[in-house]
Amino acid sequence: MKDKKRVEYVPPTRQEILDYSKSVCEAMNIKDTDTIWGLANFLEVIARVTAQSRTKEANESMRDENE
């Protein structure tokens, strides 16, 4: 069977996450910068961990298919 290329999931950039956090807080009428940055930091961690996990899962399943 032909080897497939490695898959790599990439999280959004820090700026994209910050922009999203600002939008969410604005929609909820939250103007506190600590809250905005706290949400951005939280989302950044979640995005990074999710991307790493999905990358690992995708490549392990491809490896299993090739064996």
Protein backbone atom coordinates (compact mmCIF):
# COMPACT_ATOMS: atom_id res chain seq x y z
CA MET A 1 0.00 0.00 0.00
CA LYS A 2 1.25 3.50 -0.83
CA ASP A 3 2.43 5.53 2.16
CA LYS A 4 0.29 8.57 2.84
CA LYS A 5 1.74 11.96 3.73
CA ARG A 6 1.89 13.01 7.35
CA VAL A 7 -1.07 15.08 8.51
CA GLU A 8 -0.53 18.15 10.66
CA TYR A 9 -3.34 20.17 12.17
CA VAL A 10 -2.43 23.79 12.88
CA PRO A 11 -4.25 25.93 15.42
CA PRO A 12 -5.38 29.47 14.59
CA THR A 13 -2.81 32.23 15.07
CA ARG A 14 -2.68 34.16 18.33
CA GLN A 15 -4.10 37.20 16.54
CA GLU A 16 -7.01 35.21 15.11
CA ILE A 17 -7.82 33.88 18.57
CA LEU A 18 -7.59 37.35 20.11
CA ASP A 19 -9.85 38.80 17.41
CA TYR A 20 -12.38 36.02 18.03
CA SER A 21 -12.23 36.59 21.80
CA LYS A 22 -12.87 40.30 21.28
CA SER A 23 -15.87 39.50 19.09
CA VAL A 24 -17.32 37.08 21.63
CA CYS A 25 -16.87 39.52 24.48
CA GLU A 26 -18.29 42.38 22.43
CA ALA A 27 -21.38 40.30 21.61
CA MET A 28 -21.81 39.67 25.34
CA ASN A 29 -21.21 43.36 26.13
CA ILE A 30 -18.03 42.55 28.08
CA LYS A 31 -15.42 45.29 27.86
CA ASP A 32 -12.95 44.18 30.53
CA THR A 33 -9.57 43.62 28.87
CA ASP A 34 -8.54 41.04 31.48
CA THR A 35 -11.57 38.96 30.54
CA ILE A 36 -10.84 39.29 26.83
CA TRP A 37 -7.20 38.26 27.28
CA GLY A 38 -8.18 35.48 29.69
CA LEU A 39 -10.57 34.04 27.13
CA ALA A 40 -7.95 34.38 24.39
CA ASN A 41 -5.33 32.60 26.51
CA PHE A 42 -7.76 29.81 27.37
CA LEU A 43 -8.80 29.34 23.74
CA GLU A 44 -5.17 29.35 22.62
CA VAL A 45 -4.33 26.49 24.98
CA ILE A 46 -7.39 24.51 23.90
CA ALA A 47 -6.64 25.09 20.19
CA ARG A 48 -2.99 24.05 20.57
CA VAL A 49 -3.82 20.89 22.55
CA THR A 50 -6.61 19.96 20.12
CA ALA A 51 -4.35 20.42 17.09
CA GLN A 52 -1.62 18.29 18.68
CA SER A 53 -4.10 15.58 19.61
CA ARG A 54 -5.75 15.50 16.18
CA THR A 55 -2.35 15.39 14.47
CA LYS A 56 -1.26 12.47 16.63
CA GLU A 57 -4.54 10.58 16.06
CA ALA A 58 -4.48 11.12 12.29
CA ASN A 59 -0.92 9.94 11.91
CA GLU A 60 -1.38 6.92 14.18
CA SER A 61 -4.41 5.77 12.18
CA MET A 62 -2.47 6.20 8.92
CA ARG A 63 0.41 4.20 10.37
CA ASP A 64 -2.00 1.44 11.39
CA GLU A 65 -3.49 1.37 7.86
CA ASN A 66 -0.01 1.03 6.34
CA GLU A 67 0.94 -1.96 8.49
